[in-house]
C-alpha atoms as a PDB file:
ATOM      1  CA  UNK A   1      22.637   6.421  -9.867  1.00  0.00           C
ATOM      2  CA  UNK A   2      21.641   3.870 -12.531  1.00  0.00           C
ATOM      3  CA  UNK A   3      19.148   0.989 -12.421  1.00  0.00           C
ATOM      4  CA  UNK A   4      21.393  -1.576 -14.095  1.00  0.00           C
ATOM      5  CA  UNK A   5      18.835  -4.378 -13.938  1.00  0.00           C
ATOM      6  CA  UNK A   6      16.128  -2.406 -15.752  1.00  0.00           C
ATOM      7  CA  UNK A   7      18.643  -1.055 -18.259  1.00  0.00           C
ATOM      8  CA  UNK A   8      19.931  -4.578 -18.960  1.00  0.00           C
ATOM      9  CA  UNK A   9      16.359  -5.695 -19.642  1.00  0.00           C
ATOM     10  CA  UNK A  10      15.921  -2.782 -22.037  1.00  0.00           C
ATOM     11  CA  UNK A  11      19.195  -3.539 -23.841  1.00  0.00           C
ATOM     12  CA  UNK A  12      18.045  -7.103 -24.444  1.00  0.00           C
ATOM     13  CA  UNK A  13      14.672  -5.834 -25.638  1.00  0.00           C
ATOM     14  CA  UNK A  14      16.422  -3.475 -28.071  1.00  0.00           C
ATOM     15  CA  UNK A  15      18.374  -6.388 -29.478  1.00  0.00           C
ATOM     16  CA  UNK A  16      15.280  -8.550 -29.816  1.00  0.00           C
ATOM     17  CA  UNK A  17      13.394  -5.725 -31.549  1.00  0.00           C
ATOM     18  CA  UNK A  18      16.066  -4.604 -33.995  1.00  0.00           C
ATOM     19  CA  UNK A  19      18.309  -7.608 -34.694  1.00  0.00           C
ATOM     20  CA  UNK A  20      18.016  -9.843 -37.719  1.00  0.00           C
ATOM     21  CA  UNK A  21      19.998 -12.816 -36.459  1.00  0.00           C
ATOM     22  CA  UNK A  22      19.006 -16.444 -36.753  1.00  0.00           C
ATOM     23  CA  UNK A  23      19.648 -17.348 -33.116  1.00  0.00           C
ATOM     24  CA  UNK A  24      16.634 -17.703 -30.817  1.00  0.00           C
ATOM     25  CA  UNK A  25      16.079 -16.954 -27.137  1.00  0.00           C
ATOM     26  CA  UNK A  26      16.048 -20.684 -26.367  1.00  0.00           C
ATOM     27  CA  UNK A  27      19.624 -20.960 -27.660  1.00  0.00           C
ATOM     28  CA  UNK A  28      20.777 -18.088 -25.461  1.00  0.00           C
ATOM     29  CA  UNK A  29      22.510 -14.904 -26.532  1.00  0.00           C
ATOM     30  CA  UNK A  30      26.231 -14.194 -26.562  1.00  0.00           C
ATOM     31  CA  UNK A  31      26.873 -10.609 -25.404  1.00  0.00           C
ATOM     32  CA  UNK A  32      30.084  -8.594 -25.800  1.00  0.00           C
ATOM     33  CA  UNK A  33      30.609  -5.544 -23.545  1.00  0.00           C
ATOM     34  CA  UNK A  34      33.348  -3.138 -24.765  1.00  0.00           C
ATOM     35  CA  UNK A  35      35.050  -0.590 -22.519  1.00  0.00           C
ATOM     36  CA  UNK A  36      33.067  -2.410 -19.876  1.00  0.00           C
ATOM     37  CA  UNK A  37      34.462  -0.966 -16.650  1.00  0.00           C
ATOM     38  CA  UNK A  38      32.703  -2.823 -13.810  1.00  0.00           C
ATOM     39  CA  UNK A  39      30.512  -4.535 -16.473  1.00  0.00           C
ATOM     40  CA  UNK A  40      27.420  -4.095 -14.319  1.00  0.00           C
ATOM     41  CA  UNK A  41      24.941  -4.157 -17.230  1.00  0.00           C
ATOM     42  CA  UNK A  42      26.424  -7.416 -18.515  1.00  0.00           C
ATOM     43  CA  UNK A  43      26.468  -8.984 -15.049  1.00  0.00           C
ATOM     44  CA  UNK A  44      22.853  -7.952 -14.431  1.00  0.00           C
ATOM     45  CA  UNK A  45      21.893  -9.517 -17.776  1.00  0.00           C
ATOM     46  CA  UNK A  46      23.257 -12.861 -16.550  1.00  0.00           C
ATOM     47  CA  UNK A  47      21.297 -12.518 -13.283  1.00  0.00           C
ATOM     48  CA  UNK A  48      17.885 -12.037 -14.913  1.00  0.00           C
ATOM     49  CA  UNK A  49      15.388 -14.745 -14.009  1.00  0.00           C
ATOM     50  CA  UNK A  50      14.077 -15.095 -17.549  1.00  0.00           C
ATOM     51  CA  UNK A  51      17.657 -15.161 -18.744  1.00  0.00           C
ATOM     52  CA  UNK A  52      18.099 -15.084 -22.540  1.00  0.00           C
ATOM     53  CA  UNK A  53      21.874 -14.587 -22.144  1.00  0.00           C
ATOM     54  CA  UNK A  54      24.155 -17.592 -22.531  1.00  0.00           C
ATOM     55  CA  UNK A  55      27.580 -15.974 -22.254  1.00  0.00           C
ATOM     56  CA  UNK A  56      29.030 -12.532 -21.572  1.00  0.00           C
ATOM     57  CA  UNK A  57      32.511 -11.358 -22.555  1.00  0.00           C
ATOM     58  CA  UNK A  58      33.690  -8.024 -21.176  1.00  0.00           C
ATOM     59  CA  UNK A  59      36.693  -6.108 -22.522  1.00  0.00           C
ATOM     60  CA  UNK A  60      38.647  -3.260 -20.964  1.00  0.00           C
ATOM     61  CA  UNK A  61      42.177  -1.987 -21.545  1.00  0.00           C
ATOM     62  CA  UNK A  62      42.846  -1.223 -17.858  1.00  0.00           C
ATOM     63  CA  UNK A  63      44.069  -4.224 -15.813  1.00  0.00           C
ATOM     64  CA  UNK A  64      42.765  -2.596 -12.621  1.00  0.00           C
ATOM     65  CA  UNK A  65      39.277  -2.419 -14.130  1.00  0.00           C
ATOM     66  CA  UNK A  66      39.443  -6.048 -15.283  1.00  0.00           C
ATOM     67  CA  UNK A  67      40.372  -7.068 -11.733  1.00  0.00           C
ATOM     68  CA  UNK A  68      37.548  -4.995 -10.271  1.00  0.00           C
ATOM     69  CA  UNK A  69      35.007  -6.302 -12.806  1.00  0.00           C
ATOM     70  CA  UNK A  70      35.919  -9.880 -11.903  1.00  0.00           C
ATOM     71  CA  UNK A  71      35.517  -9.040  -8.210  1.00  0.00           C
ATOM     72  CA  UNK A  72      32.050  -7.626  -8.931  1.00  0.00           C
ATOM     73  CA  UNK A  73      31.169 -10.784 -10.869  1.00  0.00           C
ATOM     74  CA  UNK A  74      32.402 -12.979  -7.999  1.00  0.00           C
ATOM     75  CA  UNK A  75      30.138 -11.096  -5.592  1.00  0.00           C
ATOM     76  CA  UNK A  76      27.083 -10.730  -7.844  1.00  0.00           C
ATOM     77  CA  UNK A  77      27.106 -14.146  -9.547  1.00  0.00           C
ATOM     78  CA  UNK A  78      27.131 -16.751  -6.732  1.00  0.00           C
ATOM     79  CA  UNK A  79      25.600 -19.317  -9.063  1.00  0.00           C
ATOM     80  CA  UNK A  80      28.540 -21.328 -10.431  1.00  0.00           C
ATOM     81  CA  UNK A  81      27.000 -21.703 -13.877  1.00  0.00           C
ATOM     82  CA  UNK A  82      26.354 -17.957 -14.208  1.00  0.00           C
ATOM     83  CA  UNK A  83      29.883 -17.127 -13.034  1.00  0.00           C
ATOM     84  CA  UNK A  84      31.343 -19.555 -15.574  1.00  0.00           C
ATOM     85  CA  UNK A  85      29.349 -17.731 -18.267  1.00  0.00           C
ATOM     86  CA  UNK A  86      31.166 -14.458 -17.541  1.00  0.00           C
ATOM     87  CA  UNK A  87      34.638 -13.772 -18.941  1.00  0.00           C
ATOM     88  CA  UNK A  88      36.679 -10.574 -18.628  1.00  0.00           C
ATOM     89  CA  UNK A  89      39.455  -9.961 -21.168  1.00  0.00           C
ATOM     90  CA  UNK A  90      42.143  -7.280 -20.914  1.00  0.00           C
ATOM     91  CA  UNK A  91      42.336  -5.835 -24.431  1.00  0.00           C
ATOM     92  CA  UNK A  92      42.064  -2.680 -26.539  1.00  0.00           C
ATOM     93  CA  UNK A  93      38.487  -2.088 -27.696  1.00  0.00           C
ATOM     94  CA  UNK A  94      39.795  -0.670 -30.996  1.00  0.00           C
ATOM     95  CA  UNK A  95      41.689  -3.796 -32.107  1.00  0.00           C
ATOM     96  CA  UNK A  96      40.633  -6.824 -30.108  1.00  0.00           C
ATOM     97  CA  UNK A  97      40.623 -10.351 -31.506  1.00  0.00           C
ATOM     98  CA  UNK A  98      38.668 -13.078 -29.708  1.00  0.00           C
ATOM     99  CA  UNK A  99      38.576 -16.821 -30.219  1.00  0.00           C
ATOM    100  CA  UNK A 100      34.838 -17.020 -29.688  1.00  0.00           C
ATOM    101  CA  UNK A 101      31.712 -17.959 -31.548  1.00  0.00           C
ATOM    102  CA  UNK A 102      30.009 -14.950 -33.161  1.00  0.00           C
ATOM    103  CA  UNK A 103      28.304 -12.618 -30.697  1.00  0.00           C
ATOM    104  CA  UNK A 104      24.648 -11.647 -30.986  1.00  0.00           C
ATOM    105  CA  UNK A 105      24.898  -8.196 -29.409  1.00  0.00           C
ATOM    106  CA  UNK A 106      27.756  -5.827 -28.534  1.00  0.00           C
ATOM    107  CA  UNK A 107      27.364  -2.992 -26.029  1.00  0.00           C
ATOM    108  CA  UNK A 108      29.390   0.215 -25.593  1.00  0.00           C
ATOM    109  CA  UNK A 109      27.733   1.936 -22.642  1.00  0.00           C
ATOM    110  CA  UNK A 110      28.135   4.766 -20.155  1.00  0.00           C
ATOM    111  CA  UNK A 111      29.885   6.957 -22.713  1.00  0.00           C
ATOM    112  CA  UNK A 112      32.871   4.610 -23.106  1.00  0.00           C
ATOM    113  CA  UNK A 113      33.074   5.474 -26.817  1.00  0.00           C
ATOM    114  CA  UNK A 114      33.977   9.043 -25.810  1.00  0.00           C
ATOM    115  CA  UNK A 115      37.479   7.878 -24.882  1.00  0.00           C
ATOM    116  CA  UNK A 116      38.087   7.326 -28.619  1.00  0.00           C
ATOM    117  CA  UNK A 117      38.753  10.871 -29.752  1.00  0.00           C
ATOM    118  CA  UNK A 118      39.595  10.320 -33.450  1.00  0.00           C
ATOM    119  CA  UNK A 119      37.509   8.936 -36.313  1.00  0.00           C
ATOM    120  CA  UNK A 120      40.221   6.343 -36.973  1.00  0.00           C
ATOM    121  CA  UNK A 121      39.878   4.966 -33.448  1.00  0.00           C
ATOM    122  CA  UNK A 122      36.087   4.821 -33.652  1.00  0.00           C
ATOM    123  CA  UNK A 123      36.069   3.097 -37.060  1.00  0.00           C
ATOM    124  CA  UNK A 124      38.677   0.605 -35.830  1.00  0.00           C
ATOM    125  CA  UNK A 125      36.487  -0.169 -32.804  1.00  0.00           C
ATOM    126  CA  UNK A 126      33.315  -0.498 -34.887  1.00  0.00           C
ATOM    127  CA  UNK A 127      35.048  -2.756 -37.415  1.00  0.00           C
ATOM    128  CA  UNK A 128      36.398  -4.984 -34.638  1.00  0.00           C
ATOM    129  CA  UNK A 129      32.845  -5.234 -33.288  1.00  0.00           C
ATOM    130  CA  UNK A 130      31.606  -5.931 -36.825  1.00  0.00           C
ATOM    131  CA  UNK A 131      34.002  -8.892 -37.135  1.00  0.00           C
ATOM    132  CA  UNK A 132      32.867 -10.263 -33.777  1.00  0.00           C
ATOM    133  CA  UNK A 133      29.103 -10.088 -34.493  1.00  0.00           C
ATOM    134  CA  UNK A 134      26.719 -12.334 -36.355  1.00  0.00           C
ATOM    135  CA  UNK A 135      25.197 -10.908 -39.498  1.00  0.00           C
ATOM    136  CA  UNK A 136      22.131  -8.964 -38.350  1.00  0.00           C
ATOM    137  CA  UNK A 137      23.526  -8.624 -34.825  1.00  0.00           C
ATOM    138  CA  UNK A 138      23.333  -5.369 -32.891  1.00  0.00           C
ATOM    139  CA  UNK A 139      25.889  -2.865 -31.647  1.00  0.00           C
ATOM    140  CA  UNK A 140      24.250  -0.659 -29.015  1.00  0.00           C
ATOM    141  CA  UNK A 141      26.075   2.580 -28.179  1.00  0.00           C
ATOM    142  CA  UNK A 142      25.093   4.894 -25.307  1.00  0.00           C
ATOM    143  CA  UNK A 143      26.429   8.465 -25.267  1.00  0.00           C
ATOM    144  CA  UNK A 144      25.500  11.856 -23.827  1.00  0.00           C
ATOM    145  CA  UNK A 145      22.720  13.523 -25.781  1.00  0.00           C
ATOM    146  CA  UNK A 146      24.013  15.724 -28.665  1.00  0.00           C
ATOM    147  CA  UNK A 147      22.357  18.801 -27.181  1.00  0.00           C
ATOM    148  CA  UNK A 148      25.206  18.788 -24.649  1.00  0.00           C
ATOM    149  CA  UNK A 149      27.630  19.190 -27.560  1.00  0.00           C
ATOM    150  CA  UNK A 150      25.913  22.403 -28.634  1.00  0.00           C
ATOM    151  CA  UNK A 151      25.685  23.848 -25.125  1.00  0.00           C
ATOM    152  CA  UNK A 152      29.344  23.584 -24.163  1.00  0.00           C
ATOM    153  CA  UNK A 153      29.832  27.113 -22.806  1.00  0.00           C
ATOM    154  CA  UNK A 154      29.121  25.652 -19.377  1.00  0.00           C
ATOM    155  CA  UNK A 155      30.228  22.102 -18.729  1.00  0.00           C
ATOM    156  CA  UNK A 156      27.623  19.627 -17.536  1.00  0.00           C
ATOM    157  CA  UNK A 157      28.566  18.631 -13.976  1.00  0.00           C
ATOM    158  CA  UNK A 158      27.474  15.228 -12.727  1.00  0.00           C
ATOM    159  CA  UNK A 159      27.923  13.903  -9.214  1.00  0.00           C
ATOM    160  CA  UNK A 160      27.021  10.652  -7.518  1.00  0.00           C
ATOM    161  CA  UNK A 161      27.889   8.689  -4.384  1.00  0.00           C
ATOM    162  CA  UNK A 162      28.621   5.004  -3.864  1.00  0.00           C
ATOM    163  CA  UNK A 163      28.347   3.451  -0.372  1.00  0.00           C
ATOM    164  CA  UNK A 164      31.470   1.662   0.861  1.00  0.00           C
ATOM    165  CA  UNK A 165      31.376  -1.549   2.920  1.00  0.00           C
ATOM    166  CA  UNK A 166      34.083  -3.579   4.650  1.00  0.00           C
ATOM    167  CA  UNK A 167      34.597  -7.351   4.249  1.00  0.00           C
ATOM    168  CA  UNK A 168      31.807  -8.010   6.745  1.00  0.00           C
ATOM    169  CA  UNK A 169      29.340  -5.845   4.854  1.00  0.00           C
ATOM    170  CA  UNK A 170      29.428  -3.035   7.399  1.00  0.00           C
ATOM    171  CA  UNK A 171      29.212   0.493   5.905  1.00  0.00           C
ATOM    172  CA  UNK A 172      32.270   2.603   6.642  1.00  0.00           C
ATOM    173  CA  UNK A 173      31.880   5.568   4.301  1.00  0.00           C
ATOM    174  CA  UNK A 174      31.066   6.819   0.822  1.00  0.00           C
ATOM    175  CA  UNK A 175      32.853   7.377  -2.465  1.00  0.00           C
ATOM    176  CA  UNK A 176      31.750  10.621  -4.115  1.00  0.00           C
ATOM    177  CA  UNK A 177      32.495  11.053  -7.816  1.00  0.00           C
ATOM    178  CA  UNK A 178      32.226  14.461  -9.507  1.00  0.00           C
ATOM    179  CA  UNK A 179      32.459  14.444 -13.306  1.00  0.00           C
ATOM    180  CA  UNK A 180      33.100  17.801 -14.985  1.00  0.00           C
ATOM    181  CA  UNK A 181      33.853  21.286 -13.721  1.00  0.00           C
ATOM    182  CA  UNK A 182      33.010  24.832 -14.820  1.00  0.00           C
ATOM    183  CA  UNK A 183      36.511  25.590 -16.068  1.00  0.00           C
ATOM    184  CA  UNK A 184      36.893  22.474 -18.230  1.00  0.00           C
ATOM    185  CA  UNK A 185      38.206  23.359 -21.698  1.00  0.00           C
ATOM    186  CA  UNK A 186      36.277  22.420 -24.857  1.00  0.00           C
ATOM    187  CA  UNK A 187      37.856  22.348 -28.344  1.00  0.00           C
ATOM    188  CA  UNK A 188      35.063  22.967 -30.909  1.00  0.00           C
ATOM    189  CA  UNK A 189      37.204  21.638 -33.787  1.00  0.00           C
ATOM    190  CA  UNK A 190      38.031  18.223 -32.335  1.00  0.00           C
ATOM    191  CA  UNK A 191      34.854  18.230 -30.171  1.00  0.00           C
ATOM    192  CA  UNK A 192      36.966  17.085 -27.244  1.00  0.00           C
ATOM    193  CA  UNK A 193      36.459  18.384 -23.733  1.00  0.00           C
ATOM    194  CA  UNK A 194      39.035  17.830 -20.999  1.00  0.00           C
ATOM    195  CA  UNK A 195      36.806  16.709 -18.154  1.00  0.00           C
ATOM    196  CA  UNK A 196      37.905  17.177 -14.563  1.00  0.00           C
ATOM    197  CA  UNK A 197      37.183  14.014 -12.588  1.00  0.00           C
ATOM    198  CA  UNK A 198      37.281  14.267  -8.799  1.00  0.00           C
ATOM    199  CA  UNK A 199      36.830  11.421  -6.335  1.00  0.00           C
ATOM    200  CA  UNK A 200      36.449  11.773  -2.593  1.00  0.00           C
ATOM    201  CA  UNK A 201      36.459   8.939  -0.064  1.00  0.00           C
ATOM    202  CA  UNK A 202      34.487  10.050   2.969  1.00  0.00           C
ATOM    203  CA  UNK A 203      34.733   8.170   6.245  1.00  0.00           C
ATOM    204  CA  UNK A 204      31.545   7.847   8.276  1.00  0.00           C
ATOM    205  CA  UNK A 205      31.491   8.624  11.954  1.00  0.00           C
ATOM    206  CA  UNK A 206      28.551   8.953  14.267  1.00  0.00           C
ATOM    207  CA  UNK A 207      27.569  12.351  15.577  1.00  0.00           C
ATOM    208  CA  UNK A 208      27.200  11.634  19.290  1.00  0.00           C
ATOM    209  CA  UNK A 209      24.825  14.571  19.816  1.00  0.00           C
ATOM    210  CA  UNK A 210      22.073  13.395  17.466  1.00  0.00           C
ATOM    211  CA  UNK A 211      23.201   9.839  16.641  1.00  0.00           C
ATOM    212  CA  UNK A 212      23.340  10.644  12.938  1.00  0.00           C
ATOM    213  CA  UNK A 213      26.071   9.511  10.583  1.00  0.00           C
ATOM    214  CA  UNK A 214      28.265  12.293   9.153  1.00  0.00           C
ATOM    215  CA  UNK A 215      31.016  12.003   6.556  1.00  0.00           C
ATOM    216  CA  UNK A 216      34.435  13.648   6.706  1.00  0.00           C
ATOM    217  CA  UNK A 217      36.711  13.749   3.631  1.00  0.00           C
ATOM    218  CA  UNK A 218      39.385  11.096   4.074  1.00  0.00           C
ATOM    219  CA  UNK A 219      41.120  10.988   0.706  1.00  0.00           C
ATOM    220  CA  UNK A 220      40.706  12.756  -2.633  1.00  0.00           C
ATOM    221  CA  UNK A 221      41.960  12.267  -6.188  1.00  0.00           C
ATOM    222  CA  UNK A 222      41.626  14.627  -9.168  1.00  0.00           C
ATOM    223  CA  UNK A 223      42.484  13.921 -12.799  1.00  0.00           C
ATOM    224  CA  UNK A 224      41.814  15.267 -16.308  1.00  0.00           C
ATOM    225  CA  UNK A 225      40.160  12.985 -18.890  1.00  0.00           C
ATOM    226  CA  UNK A 226      39.822  14.003 -22.581  1.00  0.00           C
ATOM    227  CA  UNK A 227      36.462  12.891 -23.983  1.00  0.00           C
ATOM    228  CA  UNK A 228      34.867  13.434 -27.371  1.00  0.00           C
ATOM    229  CA  UNK A 229      31.350  14.783 -27.832  1.00  0.00           C
ATOM    230  CA  UNK A 230      29.418  13.013 -30.608  1.00  0.00           C
ATOM    231  CA  UNK A 231      26.449  13.991 -32.749  1.00  0.00           C
ATOM    232  CA  UNK A 232      23.869  11.590 -34.135  1.00  0.00           C
ATOM    233  CA  UNK A 233      24.948  12.309 -37.727  1.00  0.00           C
ATOM    234  CA  UNK A 234      28.534  11.382 -36.848  1.00  0.00           C
ATOM    235  CA  UNK A 235      27.474   8.051 -35.369  1.00  0.00           C
ATOM    236  CA  UNK A 236      25.454   7.366 -38.530  1.00  0.00           C
ATOM    237  CA  UNK A 237      28.419   8.171 -40.816  1.00  0.00           C
ATOM    238  CA  UNK A 238      30.946   6.226 -38.729  1.00  0.00           C
ATOM    239  CA  UNK A 239      28.567   3.249 -38.610  1.00  0.00           C
ATOM    240  CA  UNK A 240      28.188   3.254 -42.398  1.00  0.00           C
ATOM    241  CA  UNK A 241      31.998   3.324 -42.758  1.00  0.00           C
ATOM    242  CA  UNK A 242      32.195   0.231 -40.561  1.00  0.00           C
ATOM    243  CA  UNK A 243      29.534  -2.039 -42.069  1.00  0.00           C
ATOM    244  CA  UNK A 244      26.568  -1.082 -39.883  1.00  0.00           C
ATOM    245  CA  UNK A 245      23.241   0.624 -40.404  1.00  0.00           C
ATOM    246  CA  UNK A 246      21.374   2.655 -37.794  1.00  0.00           C
ATOM    247  CA  UNK A 247      18.286   0.658 -36.860  1.00  0.00           C
ATOM    248  CA  UNK A 248      16.948   3.029 -34.186  1.00  0.00           C
ATOM    249  CA  UNK A 249      17.833   5.832 -31.774  1.00  0.00           C
ATOM    250  CA  UNK A 250      16.510   6.545 -28.274  1.00  0.00           C
ATOM    251  CA  UNK A 251      16.819   9.332 -25.708  1.00  0.00           C
ATOM    252  CA  UNK A 252      17.762   7.051 -22.797  1.00  0.00           C
ATOM    253  CA  UNK A 253      18.010   3.396 -21.839  1.00  0.00           C
ATOM    254  CA  UNK A 254      14.315   3.537 -21.014  1.00  0.00           C
ATOM    255  CA  UNK A 255      11.045   2.509 -22.604  1.00  0.00           C
ATOM    256  CA  UNK A 256       9.421   5.213 -24.741  1.00  0.00           C
ATOM    257  CA  UNK A 257      12.381   7.622 -24.442  1.00  0.00           C
ATOM    258  CA  UNK A 258      12.385   9.448 -27.757  1.00  0.00           C
ATOM    259  CA  UNK A 259      15.662  10.969 -28.879  1.00  0.00           C
ATOM    260  CA  UNK A 260      13.844  14.228 -29.738  1.00  0.00           C
ATOM    261  CA  UNK A 261      11.922  14.435 -26.468  1.00  0.00           C
ATOM    262  CA  UNK A 262      12.528  17.560 -24.395  1.00  0.00           C
ATOM    263  CA  UNK A 263      13.709  15.459 -21.458  1.00  0.00           C
ATOM    264  CA  UNK A 264      15.990  13.182 -23.526  1.00  0.00           C
ATOM    265  CA  UNK A 265      19.407  13.112 -21.866  1.00  0.00           C
ATOM    266  CA  UNK A 266      21.238  10.253 -23.649  1.00  0.00           C
ATOM    267  CA  UNK A 267      21.855   9.240 -27.260  1.00  0.00           C
ATOM    268  CA  UNK A 268      21.285   5.507 -27.573  1.00  0.00           C
ATOM    269  CA  UNK A 269      22.065   4.259 -31.083  1.00  0.00           C
ATOM    270  CA  UNK A 270      21.123   0.732 -32.121  1.00  0.00           C
ATOM    271  CA  UNK A 271      23.391  -0.271 -35.003  1.00  0.00           C
ATOM    272  CA  UNK A 272      22.812  -3.451 -37.005  1.00  0.00           C
ATOM    273  CA  UNK A 273      25.511  -5.435 -38.811  1.00  0.00           C
ATOM    274  CA  UNK A 274      24.962  -5.511 -42.558  1.00  0.00           C
ATOM    275  CA  UNK A 275      25.474  -8.620 -44.638  1.00  0.00           C
ATOM    276  CA  UNK A 276      29.020  -8.087 -45.868  1.00  0.00           C
ATOM    277  CA  UNK A 277      32.523  -8.390 -44.443  1.00  0.00           C
ATOM    278  CA  UNK A 278      34.857  -5.516 -43.544  1.00  0.00           C
END
């Protein structure tokens, strides 16, 4: 679904290109990942061979996600030094306080900012990130492209599958995630859509006739998640209210992805901390 390694490389390149901090690659970067979920971008950044990352701190408000993120780190960071460089904190991304040296770059990825549906929540989050960053540091925000906001008659429906393995590494099924449904309601005033999220665990069993693996639904869960749709102008205004300036925008976490390209599908905003305190 996503190439986290390549995207982590690009995130670090964005920081190097647009930051105005005094730290150097030889010192190592301190990265903060907000609303991190499994924190796969941050973990991949620590795994890079030419690793410019010294420490990673991930934050999520859900204790279940913190537990899962730590399990992913345990599995993906066998090197003891790399694992010691990763910390996961259970906290609110809108009002966190960390006893940590200033961070070089903060990331809010995979649309996590969309869970903040009011301007007050977004400004509170940006100002908390502002306090945590070095002067000239970057705040990189990834959201759906604004053209989705202006085409909300039909909801964008995304689906992906994740293979499931047991403790011995043997595949036993798949987790299918479906994000969005045709009947999902959109409020044009608040710019909030109530997204239907469906998850299906499918158990694999072998078809004896042709020796192929087939998947039968084993368990399903459906929930409704309110998420805000942002425009580029809003991100600019909210950044200015929080002590940042927009250094650049991109159409994906990919090289040469212009935000105005016809095939642009994400809004990636690189914000830079200005030289004053909030």
